[in-house]
Amino acid sequence: DVMLSVNGNEDNYVKLKEMTDRYSGIIDHNELYNIYVSLAKFIREKFDENSNKFIDEIFELYKTMLDKGIFKSHFHMSNTFFISTVDLALRKKDHIFLQ
């Protein structure tokens, strides 16, 4: 389990995200899902500290998860992920994404 949220180190987040993007093709789907959940958890915890930066970051992270098909666990998308993604798209006024 990835424990980014415990130490709150943004450098670790950036490094893990870069490595995950680079090696996502060889990482097991379930492990990849867990890594992205940890990345999203880290960003959500930082969200209020620097809202514009982190709204952009978590929205891009969610879009990456959708693009790579790693937004689901047990073969379905969680309601929380769906609602959060739509909420972020509305906040960013990304109407094209919402379509």
Protein backbone atom coordinates (compact mmCIF):
# COMPACT_ATOMS: atom_id res chain seq x y z
CA ASP A 1 0.00 0.00 0.00
CA VAL A 2 1.28 3.43 -0.91
CA MET A 3 1.27 5.75 2.09
CA LEU A 4 1.78 9.17 0.48
CA SER A 5 -0.78 10.80 2.71
CA VAL A 6 1.12 9.93 5.88
CA ASN A 7 4.13 12.15 5.25
CA GLY A 8 2.51 14.71 2.94
CA ASN A 9 5.61 15.02 0.77
CA GLU A 10 4.74 16.57 -2.60
CA ASP A 11 8.07 15.49 -4.11
CA ASN A 12 7.15 11.85 -3.42
CA TYR A 13 3.80 12.44 -5.09
CA VAL A 14 5.43 13.88 -8.21
CA LYS A 15 8.00 11.06 -8.45
CA LEU A 16 5.41 8.34 -7.94
CA LYS A 17 3.07 9.90 -10.50
CA GLU A 18 5.87 10.14 -13.08
CA MET A 19 6.97 6.55 -12.48
CA THR A 20 3.38 5.31 -12.59
CA ASP A 21 2.74 7.11 -15.89
CA ARG A 22 5.98 5.71 -17.33
CA TYR A 23 5.45 2.10 -16.21
CA SER A 24 1.67 1.81 -16.20
CA GLY A 25 1.81 -0.70 -19.05
CA ILE A 26 3.64 -3.26 -16.93
CA ILE A 27 1.99 -2.69 -13.54
CA ASP A 28 -0.81 -5.05 -12.53
CA HIS A 29 -4.26 -3.43 -12.99
CA ASN A 30 -5.23 -3.79 -9.33
CA GLU A 31 -1.92 -2.38 -8.12
CA LEU A 32 -2.22 0.49 -10.62
CA TYR A 33 -5.71 1.22 -9.29
CA ASN A 34 -4.35 1.28 -5.72
CA ILE A 35 -1.52 3.63 -6.70
CA TYR A 36 -3.91 6.06 -8.40
CA VAL A 37 -6.24 5.93 -5.39
CA SER A 38 -3.27 6.85 -3.18
CA LEU A 39 -2.27 9.67 -5.53
CA ALA A 40 -5.84 11.01 -5.49
CA LYS A 41 -6.00 10.73 -1.69
CA PHE A 42 -2.81 12.75 -1.37
CA ILE A 43 -4.21 15.48 -3.64
CA ARG A 44 -7.58 15.55 -1.85
CA GLU A 45 -5.77 16.06 1.44
CA LYS A 46 -3.83 18.97 -0.09
CA PHE A 47 -6.89 20.35 -1.92
CA ASP A 48 -7.84 23.07 0.58
CA GLU A 49 -4.27 24.26 1.04
CA ASN A 50 -3.83 25.43 -2.53
CA SER A 51 -7.17 25.00 -4.24
CA ASN A 52 -6.50 26.11 -7.82
CA LYS A 53 -3.32 24.09 -8.20
CA PHE A 54 -4.78 20.98 -6.69
CA ILE A 55 -8.18 21.21 -8.42
CA ASP A 56 -6.26 21.19 -11.68
CA GLU A 57 -4.03 18.33 -10.52
CA ILE A 58 -6.76 16.03 -9.25
CA PHE A 59 -8.92 16.67 -12.33
CA GLU A 60 -6.01 15.71 -14.59
CA LEU A 61 -5.36 12.65 -12.42
CA TYR A 62 -9.01 11.57 -12.71
CA LYS A 63 -8.95 12.11 -16.47
CA THR A 64 -5.81 9.94 -16.69
CA MET A 65 -7.56 7.24 -14.69
CA LEU A 66 -10.51 7.37 -17.09
CA ASP A 67 -8.25 7.29 -20.16
CA LYS A 68 -6.36 4.26 -18.84
CA GLY A 69 -9.50 2.47 -17.63
CA ILE A 70 -8.31 2.30 -14.04
CA PHE A 71 -11.20 4.15 -12.46
CA LYS A 72 -12.98 1.04 -11.36
CA SER A 73 -12.66 -1.57 -8.71
CA HIS A 74 -14.49 -4.86 -9.00
CA PHE A 75 -15.57 -3.91 -12.54
CA HIS A 76 -17.58 -0.79 -11.72
CA MET A 77 -17.00 2.92 -11.25
CA SER A 78 -17.67 4.11 -7.72
CA ASN A 79 -20.35 6.74 -7.21
CA THR A 80 -17.82 8.87 -5.35
CA PHE A 81 -15.37 8.85 -8.28
CA PHE A 82 -18.13 9.72 -10.75
CA ILE A 83 -19.55 12.55 -8.64
CA SER A 84 -16.10 13.95 -7.85
CA THR A 85 -15.08 13.92 -11.51
CA VAL A 86 -18.28 15.64 -12.64
CA ASP A 87 -17.99 18.17 -9.80
CA LEU A 88 -14.41 19.03 -10.78
CA ALA A 89 -15.35 19.36 -14.46
CA LEU A 90 -18.19 21.72 -13.52
CA ARG A 91 -15.88 23.81 -11.32
CA LYS A 92 -13.38 24.06 -14.14
CA LYS A 93 -16.21 24.82 -16.59
CA ASP A 94 -14.93 21.99 -18.80
CA HIS A 95 -18.19 21.46 -20.66
CA ILE A 96 -16.52 19.50 -23.45
CA PHE A 97 -15.31 16.90 -20.93
CA LEU A 98 -18.79 16.67 -19.43
CA GLN A 99 -20.29 15.71 -22.77
